[in-house]
């Protein structure tokens, strides 16, 4: 061999022997061979490639059909008929936007939201965010565990305390599926979602709702009655889950993403589509959950017992209502759906807590949503992949609207309770002195997060295909051959995915 090619500086591993030399390397000026924005090993777009990205959206969608949503939907349907369906539609559209932002952050930075908070904020801030996030996960898990316990009680007549223990044990058992790879967990949760959808659509066939009234409630905004505003805020609060933002930004890191501008943009697009499909299914399930009590509680010749149940509808009493009006099989179907809802949502709620550990719900929302909105529009965080000005403006308007509604509702609810409870005046003064400064600190913390400038650069620099690197070195370096992918998070996916 007349000429000797030297390996550039760095550890190449193995025997460091040259095993092949390309005698005719591609020219950097030849557009047929070299494109800085494209990875030469990218798969062509298509269904096969799209299926590699399917899964995170299913796990995320569970938060929108958990037992908390189920009870809120039942109460809204029994009290207001179809009038609040437009809240469900707007809430899930906003959910699609913020969940897509969370997915994009993971894809473009290689870190999930809790890791970004950890590297960006000072010690006291990140510990505060961590504590609030953990409280939010616990608050979200409580109705999920109780909902599953109610389902076990209805189906098998297990005492509630025993059903709660069974729920905790079964959740840990099903989370063990993750040991065999996140794909297996996604498949399990997908099956539970299908069971839930089949059950509620079956209930819908029993209730026979009015299609005309249903579509009017979905597209004509209306808030009528004293409790309509409070119930609308409760519906919206049940749909926007802070822990979901941490979960989604972590789940997308379990996929191998080509390390090129085209590959990252395609991954963001695929994750948007695969998130949209499960959220649409979740929307249909929420519509069914509102329509079922409407069909029952607005009927003619209702008994006084049925009227009383409709006025105070909850997860437990809903079973008796369905059994009395639609028959025993309807009650059993409801219990199966509730079991699937509670079990799947307790899995994903606990799963989200794992990612937050590496780093109420209405109270916590600003402290998850504001970092997400800031990071997704930040050049130091996202580099060239940051959101366009239109997405930034729309997401901030919607985000601030949701946060403002939450703060207003929390404040007015507390003040109303303080003014009209039966406590002695001294007790009211003491509680006010204790809580009002905390409310002021809460608002100041929200303002701090909004106006603090991001300083830590975290976006991944896209690898450029070097046409002069035409020497192939015998495999001996564990990282050799993986430069065409974003750093693969083996801590988030324990099995390889198909290429």
Protein backbone atom coordinates (compact mmCIF):
# COMPACT_ATOMS: atom_id res chain seq x y z
CA UNK A 1 0.00 0.00 0.00
CA UNK A 2 1.61 3.23 -1.19
CA UNK A 3 -0.17 5.64 1.08
CA UNK A 4 -1.11 5.33 4.70
CA UNK A 5 -4.27 6.84 6.13
CA UNK A 6 -4.03 8.01 9.72
CA UNK A 7 -6.96 7.70 12.13
CA UNK A 8 -7.92 11.09 13.65
CA UNK A 9 -7.21 11.66 17.34
CA UNK A 10 -9.44 9.76 19.73
CA UNK A 11 -9.97 6.29 21.05
CA UNK A 12 -11.14 3.92 18.32
CA UNK A 13 -10.87 0.71 20.35
CA UNK A 14 -10.23 -2.78 18.98
CA UNK A 15 -6.94 -3.58 17.24
CA UNK A 16 -6.80 -0.16 15.53
CA UNK A 17 -6.10 -1.95 12.23
CA UNK A 18 -7.24 -0.44 8.95
CA UNK A 19 -9.43 -3.05 7.30
CA UNK A 20 -10.69 -1.14 4.27
CA UNK A 21 -9.96 2.06 2.38
CA UNK A 22 -12.29 3.70 -0.06
CA UNK A 23 -10.09 4.63 -3.01
CA UNK A 24 -12.68 7.10 -4.33
CA UNK A 25 -14.08 9.10 -1.42
CA UNK A 26 -17.11 11.24 -2.23
CA UNK A 27 -16.42 14.87 -2.95
CA UNK A 28 -17.73 17.45 -0.51
CA UNK A 29 -18.97 19.44 -3.48
CA UNK A 30 -20.85 16.51 -4.99
CA UNK A 31 -24.49 16.92 -3.90
CA UNK A 32 -25.26 13.37 -4.99
CA UNK A 33 -23.01 11.99 -2.26
CA UNK A 34 -23.07 14.59 0.50
CA UNK A 35 -25.84 16.47 2.29
CA UNK A 36 -25.18 18.09 5.66
CA UNK A 37 -28.85 17.99 6.61
CA UNK A 38 -29.45 14.31 5.86
CA UNK A 39 -28.20 11.12 7.44
CA UNK A 40 -27.25 8.71 4.62
CA UNK A 41 -28.49 5.79 6.73
CA UNK A 42 -31.97 7.19 7.42
CA UNK A 43 -34.87 4.92 6.56
CA UNK A 44 -37.35 6.22 4.03
CA UNK A 45 -40.52 7.61 5.64
CA UNK A 46 -43.37 5.11 5.77
CA UNK A 47 -45.58 2.98 8.00
CA UNK A 48 -42.73 0.69 9.00
CA UNK A 49 -40.67 3.63 10.23
CA UNK A 50 -43.70 5.26 11.89
CA UNK A 51 -44.44 2.08 13.87
CA UNK A 52 -41.01 2.34 15.51
CA UNK A 53 -42.19 5.54 17.20
CA UNK A 54 -45.63 4.29 18.30
CA UNK A 55 -46.07 3.72 22.04
CA UNK A 56 -45.30 6.82 24.18
CA UNK A 57 -48.57 8.47 23.15
CA UNK A 58 -50.57 5.49 24.42
CA UNK A 59 -48.98 5.67 27.88
CA UNK A 60 -49.49 9.42 27.99
CA UNK A 61 -53.16 9.24 26.90
CA UNK A 62 -54.05 7.15 29.97
CA UNK A 63 -53.94 10.28 32.16
CA UNK A 64 -56.93 11.64 30.22
CA UNK A 65 -59.17 8.63 30.93
CA UNK A 66 -58.23 7.78 34.52
CA UNK A 67 -60.78 7.33 37.34
CA UNK A 68 -60.46 11.02 38.28
CA UNK A 69 -61.61 11.99 34.79
CA UNK A 70 -64.28 9.31 34.93
CA UNK A 71 -65.87 10.72 38.08
CA UNK A 72 -65.59 14.34 36.88
CA UNK A 73 -67.18 13.42 33.54
CA UNK A 74 -70.01 11.54 35.24
CA UNK A 75 -70.77 14.51 37.51
CA UNK A 76 -70.61 16.99 34.62
CA UNK A 77 -72.93 14.85 32.50
CA UNK A 78 -75.44 14.33 35.31
CA UNK A 79 -75.50 18.05 36.26
CA UNK A 80 -75.13 19.84 32.92
CA UNK A 81 -75.94 17.34 30.20
CA UNK A 82 -73.87 17.84 27.06
CA UNK A 83 -73.18 21.54 27.74
CA UNK A 84 -69.55 21.05 28.88
CA UNK A 85 -68.39 18.80 26.02
CA UNK A 86 -66.68 21.80 24.42
CA UNK A 87 -64.41 22.00 27.48
CA UNK A 88 -63.29 18.41 26.80
CA UNK A 89 -62.58 19.29 23.16
CA UNK A 90 -60.56 22.43 23.99
CA UNK A 91 -58.75 20.69 26.85
CA UNK A 92 -57.56 17.81 24.69
CA UNK A 93 -56.48 20.15 21.87
CA UNK A 94 -54.34 22.03 24.40
CA UNK A 95 -53.13 18.68 25.77
CA UNK A 96 -51.99 17.66 22.28
CA UNK A 97 -50.01 20.91 21.96
CA UNK A 98 -48.19 20.69 25.30
CA UNK A 99 -47.58 16.94 25.03
CA UNK A 100 -46.00 17.52 21.61
CA UNK A 101 -43.78 20.22 23.14
CA UNK A 102 -42.72 17.74 25.83
CA UNK A 103 -41.90 15.10 23.20
CA UNK A 104 -39.94 17.61 21.10
CA UNK A 105 -37.83 18.62 24.10
CA UNK A 106 -36.80 15.00 24.67
CA UNK A 107 -36.01 14.42 20.99
CA UNK A 108 -34.03 17.64 20.48
CA UNK A 109 -32.04 17.69 23.74
CA UNK A 110 -31.61 14.01 24.63
CA UNK A 111 -32.81 14.83 28.17
CA UNK A 112 -36.24 14.65 29.76
CA UNK A 113 -37.90 17.58 31.48
CA UNK A 114 -36.79 16.75 35.03
CA UNK A 115 -33.16 16.46 33.87
CA UNK A 116 -33.39 19.84 32.13
CA UNK A 117 -34.81 21.41 35.30
CA UNK A 118 -31.97 19.81 37.26
CA UNK A 119 -29.21 21.33 35.11
CA UNK A 120 -30.92 24.70 34.60
CA UNK A 121 -32.16 25.83 38.01
CA UNK A 122 -30.25 26.54 41.25
CA UNK A 123 -30.33 23.98 44.04
CA UNK A 124 -33.20 25.39 46.11
CA UNK A 125 -35.41 25.82 43.00
CA UNK A 126 -34.87 22.33 41.60
CA UNK A 127 -35.54 20.72 45.00
CA UNK A 128 -38.75 22.75 45.24
CA UNK A 129 -39.81 21.65 41.75
CA UNK A 130 -38.98 18.03 42.59
CA UNK A 131 -41.04 18.12 45.80
CA UNK A 132 -44.06 19.67 44.07
CA UNK A 133 -43.84 17.16 41.22
CA UNK A 134 -43.77 14.23 43.64
CA UNK A 135 -46.79 15.64 45.49
CA UNK A 136 -48.58 15.94 42.13
CA UNK A 137 -47.88 12.28 41.30
CA UNK A 138 -49.18 11.18 44.71
CA UNK A 139 -52.30 13.34 44.28
CA UNK A 140 -52.89 11.84 40.82
CA UNK A 141 -52.36 8.28 42.06
CA UNK A 142 -54.93 8.48 44.88
CA UNK A 143 -58.10 8.48 42.66
CA UNK A 144 -56.50 5.86 40.41
CA UNK A 145 -55.93 3.46 43.31
CA UNK A 146 -59.37 4.16 44.78
CA UNK A 147 -61.00 3.68 41.37
CA UNK A 148 -59.33 0.29 40.91
CA UNK A 149 -60.34 -0.70 44.45
CA UNK A 150 -63.98 0.21 43.72
CA UNK A 151 -63.86 -1.91 40.55
CA UNK A 152 -62.49 -4.93 42.45
CA UNK A 153 -65.15 -4.41 45.11
CA UNK A 154 -67.95 -4.33 42.51
CA UNK A 155 -66.67 -7.35 40.57
CA UNK A 156 -65.43 -9.63 43.35
CA UNK A 157 -66.97 -8.10 46.53
CA UNK A 158 -63.51 -7.61 48.06
CA UNK A 159 -63.47 -5.17 51.02
CA UNK A 160 -62.13 -1.78 49.99
CA UNK A 161 -59.04 -1.98 52.23
CA UNK A 162 -58.16 -5.36 50.71
CA UNK A 163 -58.85 -4.05 47.21
CA UNK A 164 -56.45 -1.13 47.81
CA UNK A 165 -53.70 -3.58 48.83
CA UNK A 166 -54.43 -5.73 45.76
CA UNK A 167 -54.23 -2.61 43.57
CA UNK A 168 -50.80 -1.64 44.90
CA UNK A 169 -49.49 -5.18 44.48
CA UNK A 170 -50.88 -5.58 40.95
CA UNK A 171 -49.44 -2.19 39.89
CA UNK A 172 -45.95 -3.21 41.04
CA UNK A 173 -46.40 -6.59 39.34
CA UNK A 174 -47.46 -5.05 36.03
CA UNK A 175 -44.67 -2.47 36.21
CA UNK A 176 -42.31 -5.47 36.28
CA UNK A 177 -43.18 -5.91 32.60
CA UNK A 178 -40.88 -2.91 32.03
CA UNK A 179 -37.96 -5.23 32.82
CA UNK A 180 -38.60 -6.88 29.46
CA UNK A 181 -38.60 -3.54 27.68
CA UNK A 182 -40.77 -0.46 27.50
CA UNK A 183 -42.43 -1.85 24.35
CA UNK A 184 -44.00 -4.63 26.41
CA UNK A 185 -45.36 -2.10 28.91
CA UNK A 186 -46.78 0.00 26.07
CA UNK A 187 -48.50 -3.08 24.61
CA UNK A 188 -50.02 -3.96 27.99
CA UNK A 189 -51.39 -0.45 28.52
CA UNK A 190 -52.69 -0.39 24.92
CA UNK A 191 -54.72 -3.53 25.62
CA UNK A 192 -56.17 -1.95 28.77
CA UNK A 193 -57.14 1.16 26.78
CA UNK A 194 -58.89 -1.01 24.18
CA UNK A 195 -60.80 -2.84 26.93
CA UNK A 196 -61.83 0.49 28.45
CA UNK A 197 -62.93 1.91 25.08
CA UNK A 198 -64.95 -1.21 24.24
CA UNK A 199 -66.71 -1.10 27.63
CA UNK A 200 -67.68 2.57 27.49
CA UNK A 201 -68.79 2.40 23.87
CA UNK A 202 -70.88 -0.61 24.91
CA UNK A 203 -72.41 1.46 27.73
CA UNK A 204 -73.13 4.18 25.17
CA UNK A 205 -75.17 1.74 23.10
CA UNK A 206 -77.30 1.06 26.20
CA UNK A 207 -77.81 4.76 27.01
CA UNK A 208 -78.63 5.81 23.40
CA UNK A 209 -77.69 9.53 23.61
CA UNK A 210 -79.01 12.19 21.24
CA UNK A 211 -76.40 12.75 18.49
CA UNK A 212 -77.76 16.25 17.75
CA UNK A 213 -77.49 17.42 21.36
CA UNK A 214 -74.08 15.78 21.66
CA UNK A 215 -72.62 17.75 18.73
CA UNK A 216 -74.24 20.98 19.92
CA UNK A 217 -72.55 20.58 23.30
CA UNK A 218 -69.24 19.86 21.61
CA UNK A 219 -69.11 22.94 19.35
CA UNK A 220 -71.36 25.57 21.00
CA UNK A 221 -69.73 26.97 24.19
CA UNK A 222 -72.19 27.42 27.04
CA UNK A 223 -71.89 27.89 30.82
CA UNK A 224 -75.34 27.92 32.39
CA UNK A 225 -76.07 27.55 36.09
CA UNK A 226 -74.27 28.46 39.31
CA UNK A 227 -71.97 25.44 39.35
CA UNK A 228 -71.14 25.40 35.62
CA UNK A 229 -67.94 27.47 35.94
CA UNK A 230 -66.61 25.37 38.81
CA UNK A 231 -67.44 22.12 37.01
CA UNK A 232 -65.83 23.39 33.79
CA UNK A 233 -62.62 24.24 35.68
CA UNK A 234 -62.71 20.81 37.34
CA UNK A 235 -63.04 19.16 33.92
CA UNK A 236 -60.14 21.20 32.56
CA UNK A 237 -58.01 20.48 35.62
CA UNK A 238 -58.67 16.76 35.29
CA UNK A 239 -57.37 16.87 31.70
CA UNK A 240 -54.10 18.78 32.25
CA UNK A 241 -51.76 16.49 34.20
CA UNK A 242 -48.34 17.92 35.19
CA UNK A 243 -46.71 14.50 35.63
CA UNK A 244 -47.58 13.68 32.02
CA UNK A 245 -45.12 16.32 30.79
CA UNK A 246 -42.26 14.64 32.63
CA UNK A 247 -43.39 11.21 31.45
CA UNK A 248 -43.72 12.06 27.76
CA UNK A 249 -40.37 13.85 27.53
CA UNK A 250 -38.74 10.70 28.97
CA UNK A 251 -40.60 8.06 26.97
CA UNK A 252 -39.51 9.45 23.59
CA UNK A 253 -35.89 8.85 24.59
CA UNK A 254 -36.50 5.10 24.39
CA UNK A 255 -36.45 5.35 20.57
CA UNK A 256 -33.41 5.43 18.31
CA UNK A 257 -33.52 8.75 16.49
CA UNK A 258 -31.23 9.50 13.50
CA UNK A 259 -28.77 12.26 14.41
CA UNK A 260 -29.53 14.58 11.53
CA UNK A 261 -31.74 17.60 10.97
CA UNK A 262 -34.06 15.52 8.82
CA UNK A 263 -34.10 12.63 11.31
CA UNK A 264 -34.93 14.84 14.30
CA UNK A 265 -37.66 16.72 12.40
CA UNK A 266 -39.19 13.44 11.22
CA UNK A 267 -39.12 12.05 14.77
CA UNK A 268 -40.95 15.13 16.08
CA UNK A 269 -43.56 14.75 13.34
CA UNK A 270 -44.04 11.03 14.00
CA UNK A 271 -44.40 11.61 17.74
CA UNK A 272 -47.03 14.29 17.05
CA UNK A 273 -49.08 11.85 14.95
CA UNK A 274 -48.69 8.89 17.32
CA UNK A 275 -49.72 11.14 20.22
CA UNK A 276 -52.71 12.54 18.34
CA UNK A 277 -54.29 9.14 17.63
CA UNK A 278 -54.49 7.95 21.29
CA UNK A 279 -55.64 11.41 22.40
CA UNK A 280 -58.47 11.24 19.86
CA UNK A 281 -59.48 7.86 21.31
CA UNK A 282 -59.28 9.42 24.80
CA UNK A 283 -61.55 12.23 23.59
CA UNK A 284 -64.15 9.72 22.36
CA UNK A 285 -64.01 7.86 25.68
CA UNK A 286 -64.51 11.13 27.60
CA UNK A 287 -67.50 11.96 25.38
CA UNK A 288 -68.95 8.52 26.13
CA UNK A 289 -68.36 8.99 29.87
CA UNK A 290 -70.36 12.25 29.80
CA UNK A 291 -73.07 10.91 27.48
CA UNK A 292 -73.88 7.79 29.55
CA UNK A 293 -75.14 9.64 32.69
CA UNK A 294 -76.92 12.19 30.47
CA UNK A 295 -78.90 9.39 28.85
CA UNK A 296 -79.84 8.03 32.28
CA UNK A 297 -80.35 11.15 34.41
CA UNK A 298 -82.41 13.12 31.87
CA UNK A 299 -84.91 10.35 31.22
CA UNK A 300 -88.60 10.50 32.09
CA UNK A 301 -90.35 8.92 35.07
CA UNK A 302 -87.19 8.71 37.19
CA UNK A 303 -87.56 7.46 40.75
CA UNK A 304 -86.57 9.70 43.65
CA UNK A 305 -83.70 7.32 44.43
CA UNK A 306 -82.34 7.69 40.89
CA UNK A 307 -82.65 11.49 41.07
CA UNK A 308 -80.75 11.56 44.37
CA UNK A 309 -78.00 9.34 42.90
CA UNK A 310 -77.69 11.59 39.83
CA UNK A 311 -77.34 14.64 42.08
CA UNK A 312 -74.45 13.02 43.96
CA UNK A 313 -72.82 10.77 41.39
CA UNK A 314 -69.44 9.17 42.15
CA UNK A 315 -67.44 6.11 41.11
CA UNK A 316 -69.25 3.83 43.57
CA UNK A 317 -72.82 5.05 43.09
CA UNK A 318 -72.46 5.01 39.28
CA UNK A 319 -72.40 1.21 39.37
CA UNK A 320 -75.73 1.00 41.23
CA UNK A 321 -77.25 3.59 38.90
CA UNK A 322 -76.25 1.65 35.77
CA UNK A 323 -77.43 -1.63 37.30
CA UNK A 324 -80.87 -0.25 38.22
CA UNK A 325 -81.51 1.55 34.93
CA UNK A 326 -79.64 -0.46 32.28
CA UNK A 327 -79.34 -3.89 33.91
CA UNK A 328 -76.75 -5.99 35.74
CA UNK A 329 -74.57 -6.53 32.66
CA UNK A 330 -74.15 -2.76 32.30
CA UNK A 331 -72.87 -2.54 35.88
CA UNK A 332 -70.37 -5.34 35.22
CA UNK A 333 -69.15 -3.67 32.02
CA UNK A 334 -68.69 -0.42 33.94
CA UNK A 335 -66.68 -2.20 36.65
CA UNK A 336 -64.40 -3.80 34.04
CA UNK A 337 -63.85 -0.39 32.40
CA UNK A 338 -63.14 1.19 35.79
CA UNK A 339 -60.68 -1.60 36.60
CA UNK A 340 -58.86 -1.11 33.28
CA UNK A 341 -58.84 2.67 33.78
CA UNK A 342 -57.56 2.55 37.35
CA UNK A 343 -54.95 -0.14 36.71
CA UNK A 344 -53.48 1.42 33.57
CA UNK A 345 -53.42 4.95 35.02
CA UNK A 346 -51.81 3.78 38.27
CA UNK A 347 -49.10 2.11 36.16
CA UNK A 348 -48.33 5.28 34.19
CA UNK A 349 -48.62 7.53 37.26
CA UNK A 350 -46.05 5.44 39.12
CA UNK A 351 -43.93 5.21 35.96
CA UNK A 352 -43.87 9.02 35.69
CA UNK A 353 -42.74 9.23 39.32
CA UNK A 354 -39.63 7.22 38.44
CA UNK A 355 -38.48 9.91 36.00
CA UNK A 356 -39.29 12.78 38.37
CA UNK A 357 -37.26 11.08 41.12
CA UNK A 358 -34.22 11.50 38.86
CA UNK A 359 -34.63 15.00 39.26
CA UNK A 360 -53.27 19.37 44.58
CA UNK A 361 -52.41 18.94 40.62
CA UNK A 362 -53.76 22.47 39.99
CA UNK A 363 -51.18 23.80 42.46
CA UNK A 364 -48.30 22.03 40.71
CA UNK A 365 -49.31 22.77 37.11
CA UNK A 366 -47.38 26.08 36.63
CA UNK A 367 -44.17 24.50 37.91
CA UNK A 368 -44.24 21.85 35.17
CA UNK A 369 -45.88 23.85 32.39
CA UNK A 370 -43.76 27.03 32.58
CA UNK A 371 -40.38 25.22 32.31
CA UNK A 372 -41.80 23.23 29.38
CA UNK A 373 -42.99 26.35 27.53
CA UNK A 374 -39.72 28.18 28.22
CA UNK A 375 -37.42 25.31 27.24
CA UNK A 376 -39.33 24.49 24.03
CA UNK A 377 -38.90 28.08 22.78
CA UNK A 378 -35.33 28.54 24.05
CA UNK A 379 -32.33 28.67 21.72
CA UNK A 380 -29.88 27.40 24.41
CA UNK A 381 -32.17 24.42 25.02
CA UNK A 382 -33.46 23.56 21.53
CA UNK A 383 -30.96 25.24 19.21
CA UNK A 384 -32.26 25.36 15.63
CA UNK A 385 -35.20 23.12 16.60
CA UNK A 386 -36.89 25.66 18.88
CA UNK A 387 -40.56 26.42 18.22
CA UNK A 388 -41.62 29.00 15.66
CA UNK A 389 -42.86 32.33 16.95
CA UNK A 390 -46.46 31.32 16.17
CA UNK A 391 -46.26 28.14 18.27
CA UNK A 392 -44.53 30.04 21.08
CA UNK A 393 -47.24 32.74 21.18
CA UNK A 394 -50.16 30.28 20.97
CA UNK A 395 -48.73 27.91 23.59
CA UNK A 396 -47.94 30.77 26.00
CA UNK A 397 -51.42 32.30 25.61
CA UNK A 398 -53.09 28.95 26.28
CA UNK A 399 -50.66 28.10 29.07
CA UNK A 400 -51.09 31.42 30.88
CA UNK A 401 -54.86 31.16 30.48
CA UNK A 402 -54.89 27.72 32.14
CA UNK A 403 -52.50 28.87 34.89
CA UNK A 404 -54.55 32.04 35.50
CA UNK A 405 -57.78 30.03 35.77
CA UNK A 406 -56.13 27.62 38.20
CA UNK A 407 -54.73 30.39 40.44
CA UNK A 408 -58.05 32.28 40.39
CA UNK A 409 -60.05 29.15 41.23
CA UNK A 410 -57.69 28.08 44.01
CA UNK A 411 -57.72 31.59 45.54
CA UNK A 412 -61.47 32.17 45.33
CA UNK A 413 -62.25 28.66 46.59
CA UNK A 414 -60.04 29.17 49.62
CA UNK A 415 -61.41 32.65 50.37
CA UNK A 416 -64.99 31.39 49.97
CA UNK A 417 -64.33 28.48 52.31
CA UNK A 418 -62.64 30.76 54.85
CA UNK A 419 -65.52 33.25 54.87
CA UNK A 420 -68.36 30.74 55.12
CA UNK A 421 -67.08 27.97 57.39
CA UNK A 422 -68.11 27.56 61.03
CA UNK A 423 -64.69 28.19 62.56
CA UNK A 424 -64.24 30.79 65.28
CA UNK A 425 -63.03 34.20 64.15
CA UNK A 426 -59.64 33.60 65.81
CA UNK A 427 -59.23 30.37 63.82
CA UNK A 428 -60.08 32.13 60.56
CA UNK A 429 -57.53 34.87 61.30
CA UNK A 430 -54.85 32.31 62.16
CA UNK A 431 -55.49 30.32 58.94
CA UNK A 432 -55.46 33.53 56.90
CA UNK A 433 -52.14 34.65 58.42
CA UNK A 434 -50.69 31.24 57.59
CA UNK A 435 -52.07 30.74 54.07
CA UNK A 436 -52.04 34.20 52.45
CA UNK A 437 -48.22 34.61 52.67
CA UNK A 438 -47.90 31.12 51.15
CA UNK A 439 -50.18 32.22 48.29
CA UNK A 440 -47.98 35.28 47.75
CA UNK A 441 -44.85 33.09 47.68
CA UNK A 442 -46.59 30.78 45.20
CA UNK A 443 -47.37 33.66 42.82
CA UNK A 444 -43.82 35.07 43.16
CA UNK A 445 -42.40 31.62 42.35
CA UNK A 446 -44.53 31.45 39.19
CA UNK A 447 -43.31 34.92 38.15
CA UNK A 448 -39.69 33.89 38.85
CA UNK A 449 -39.97 30.85 36.58
CA UNK A 450 -41.57 32.93 33.83
CA UNK A 451 -38.94 35.68 33.70
CA UNK A 452 -35.76 33.80 34.62
CA UNK A 453 -33.44 33.61 31.61
CA UNK A 454 -32.25 30.15 30.51
CA UNK A 455 -28.47 29.87 30.68
CA UNK A 456 -27.47 26.21 30.27
CA UNK A 457 -27.08 24.97 26.69
CA UNK A 458 -28.42 21.44 26.30
CA UNK A 459 -29.45 20.90 22.68
CA UNK A 460 -27.65 18.15 20.80
CA UNK A 461 -25.40 19.32 18.00
CA UNK A 462 -26.34 17.35 14.92
CA UNK A 463 -23.57 15.14 13.60
CA UNK A 464 -22.46 16.05 10.10
CA UNK A 465 -21.57 13.33 7.63
CA UNK A 466 -17.85 13.73 6.91
CA UNK A 467 -17.06 12.68 3.32
CA UNK A 468 -13.35 12.39 4.13
CA UNK A 469 -13.98 9.73 6.78
CA UNK A 470 -13.73 6.91 4.26
CA UNK A 471 -11.65 4.57 6.43
CA UNK A 472 -13.52 1.71 8.08
CA UNK A 473 -11.93 0.50 11.30
CA UNK A 474 -12.44 -3.02 12.63
CA UNK A 475 -15.17 -3.00 15.31
CA UNK A 476 -13.73 -2.86 18.79
CA UNK A 477 -15.14 0.35 20.22
CA UNK A 478 -18.56 -0.02 21.87
CA UNK A 479 -19.61 3.36 20.47
CA UNK A 480 -18.41 2.59 16.93
CA UNK A 481 -21.22 2.58 14.42
CA UNK A 482 -23.68 4.49 16.58
CA UNK A 483 -22.75 8.01 15.51
CA UNK A 484 -25.75 8.05 13.22
CA UNK A 485 -28.18 8.11 16.15
CA UNK A 486 -29.00 10.48 18.96
CA UNK A 487 -27.43 9.15 22.22
CA UNK A 488 -29.52 6.07 23.02
CA UNK A 489 -31.05 6.03 26.50
CA UNK A 490 -30.58 2.44 27.63
CA UNK A 491 -31.81 3.47 31.09
CA UNK A 492 -35.21 4.16 29.54
CA UNK A 493 -35.45 1.16 27.20
CA UNK A 494 -33.83 -2.10 28.15
CA UNK A 495 -34.34 -3.92 24.85
CA UNK A 496 -33.17 -2.91 21.36
CA UNK A 497 -35.78 -1.82 18.88
CA UNK A 498 -35.90 -2.91 15.23
CA UNK A 499 -33.85 -0.86 12.86
